[in-house]
């Protein structure tokens, strides 16, 4: 695992792969919401840790 991968929120790459393949608009929207929530939480944690 590289240093940059350690700083990524766990699971977000898999969610991105799933979103890339999803053709159902409602399922895609739900995946994008999950990705956004995950990244926002990670960003907030990173800000408070520094």
C-alpha atoms as a PDB file:
ATOM      1  CA  UNK A   1       0.000   0.000   0.000  1.00  0.00           C
ATOM      2  CA  UNK A   2       1.372   3.410  -0.952  1.00  0.00           C
ATOM      3  CA  UNK A   3       1.388   6.462   1.278  1.00  0.00           C
ATOM      4  CA  UNK A   4      -1.382   8.123  -0.772  1.00  0.00           C
ATOM      5  CA  UNK A   5      -3.569   5.009  -0.547  1.00  0.00           C
ATOM      6  CA  UNK A   6      -3.219   5.068   3.245  1.00  0.00           C
ATOM      7  CA  UNK A   7      -4.672   8.583   3.256  1.00  0.00           C
ATOM      8  CA  UNK A   8      -7.704   7.627   1.146  1.00  0.00           C
ATOM      9  CA  UNK A   9     -11.029   6.760   2.725  1.00  0.00           C
ATOM     10  CA  UNK A  10     -11.431   3.006   2.758  1.00  0.00           C
ATOM     11  CA  UNK A  11     -13.782   1.654   0.110  1.00  0.00           C
ATOM     12  CA  UNK A  12     -14.161   4.752  -1.997  1.00  0.00           C
ATOM     13  CA  UNK A  13     -12.337   3.315  -5.006  1.00  0.00           C
ATOM     14  CA  UNK A  14     -14.677   0.302  -5.050  1.00  0.00           C
ATOM     15  CA  UNK A  15     -17.691   2.621  -4.876  1.00  0.00           C
ATOM     16  CA  UNK A  16     -16.271   4.615  -7.792  1.00  0.00           C
ATOM     17  CA  UNK A  17     -15.829   1.436  -9.831  1.00  0.00           C
ATOM     18  CA  UNK A  18     -19.410   0.439  -9.056  1.00  0.00           C
ATOM     19  CA  UNK A  19     -20.675   3.889 -10.074  1.00  0.00           C
ATOM     20  CA  UNK A  20     -18.726   3.716 -13.322  1.00  0.00           C
ATOM     21  CA  UNK A  21     -20.504   0.485 -14.286  1.00  0.00           C
ATOM     22  CA  UNK A  22     -23.988   1.355 -12.979  1.00  0.00           C
ATOM     23  CA  UNK A  23     -26.593   2.082 -15.653  1.00  0.00           C
ATOM     24  CA  UNK A  24     -29.635   2.523 -13.410  1.00  0.00           C
ATOM     25  CA  UNK A  25     -29.936   6.293 -12.705  1.00  0.00           C
ATOM     26  CA  UNK A  26     -31.419   5.805  -9.222  1.00  0.00           C
ATOM     27  CA  UNK A  27     -28.731   3.323  -8.181  1.00  0.00           C
ATOM     28  CA  UNK A  28     -26.050   5.595  -9.649  1.00  0.00           C
ATOM     29  CA  UNK A  29     -27.387   8.557  -7.669  1.00  0.00           C
ATOM     30  CA  UNK A  30     -27.346   6.473  -4.472  1.00  0.00           C
ATOM     31  CA  UNK A  31     -23.742   5.404  -5.119  1.00  0.00           C
ATOM     32  CA  UNK A  32     -22.685   8.994  -5.758  1.00  0.00           C
ATOM     33  CA  UNK A  33     -24.330  10.091  -2.509  1.00  0.00           C
ATOM     34  CA  UNK A  34     -22.406   7.371  -0.636  1.00  0.00           C
ATOM     35  CA  UNK A  35     -19.146   8.457  -2.277  1.00  0.00           C
ATOM     36  CA  UNK A  36     -19.770  12.101  -1.410  1.00  0.00           C
ATOM     37  CA  UNK A  37     -20.648  11.247   2.207  1.00  0.00           C
ATOM     38  CA  UNK A  38     -17.559   9.076   2.580  1.00  0.00           C
ATOM     39  CA  UNK A  39     -15.237  11.701   1.108  1.00  0.00           C
ATOM     40  CA  UNK A  40     -16.782  14.483   3.201  1.00  0.00           C
ATOM     41  CA  UNK A  41     -16.361  12.467   6.394  1.00  0.00           C
ATOM     42  CA  UNK A  42     -12.760  11.685   5.460  1.00  0.00           C
ATOM     43  CA  UNK A  43     -12.044  15.323   4.679  1.00  0.00           C
ATOM     44  CA  UNK A  44     -13.502  16.432   8.012  1.00  0.00           C
ATOM     45  CA  UNK A  45     -11.413  13.861   9.896  1.00  0.00           C
ATOM     46  CA  UNK A  46      -8.280  14.993   8.058  1.00  0.00           C
ATOM     47  CA  UNK A  47      -8.925  18.639   8.944  1.00  0.00           C
ATOM     48  CA  UNK A  48      -9.408  17.857  12.637  1.00  0.00           C
ATOM     49  CA  UNK A  49      -6.325  15.632  12.759  1.00  0.00           C
ATOM     50  CA  UNK A  50      -3.959  18.346  11.513  1.00  0.00           C
END
